[in-house]
Each structure stands twice: as C-alpha cells, then as structure tokens.
Amino acid sequence: MTMAHNIVPKTVGDYYLRDIDLKNSDEMLHKFLKLLTDLLVVCPTYTFAKRFAKRARVIGCSDRHMCHGSSSQYIYGQPIKTPKLFAKKDYDFSLDVMRMWTNFAKNGYEMWL
C-alpha cells in the first residue's frame, strides 16, 4: 500500500521500530516522538531548505560584508576538522569562537577567552 508522496507505511514502520522491544512502552513512546518530530519539524525544514536553495539569491555578501551564517564554520570548528583548507588564523579564531560560545552556554554570559 502506498500513501501520499510515495510513502510506504510498512517501510516507515520498519524504520522507526527497528531494534526495539515492541512490548516496552518507553521505547515505543520514544520512537513515536521521533517520528512525530521528523514529520512536524525535520521534514518541513528539509523541504523548505531544498526549495529555498533552488530559488534564493545571496544578498549582501561581498568582500566588505559578511553573509548571515558565514560564521557557522567557525562556531562548529570546521577549520579544526579540516585544517588544510584554512589558514592558521582561521584555526585559532575558530578555537576562540567555540570557547566563547561554550563559556556562554556554561555561564549564561560571554566570558571572552
């Protein structure tokens, strides 16, 4: 049986119910909440991002302006994960930015370096 968008219910059920004890209500609840989160948050976000990427133009990005989100690579440590792709100053800057965010998360305020 196939439902909307070529989704096969058995395949979905098999995916979310694999490797769990079907008699364990806590595990079942956890998997149900995972399915619900995917349906209500993950799938719409993914669909939006795909559609947006096809149509969007990046505005305001140039040598003199920073694009929204371009700092993410430093926040998530991309220069540390792939140092050959970045300069030493990018590597160091990423460490500083991650330290600032970590301190903010721990203390509720910025503790600069």
Foldseek 3Di string as FASTA:
>chain_A
DADPPRDDVVVVCCVLPPPDDPVDVVSVVVSVVVVVCCVPPVVVVVVVVVVCVVDPDFPQDDPVGDGVPPCVCLLVQVCVVPVVVDDPVSNVSSVQNVVQVVCCVVPVHGDRD
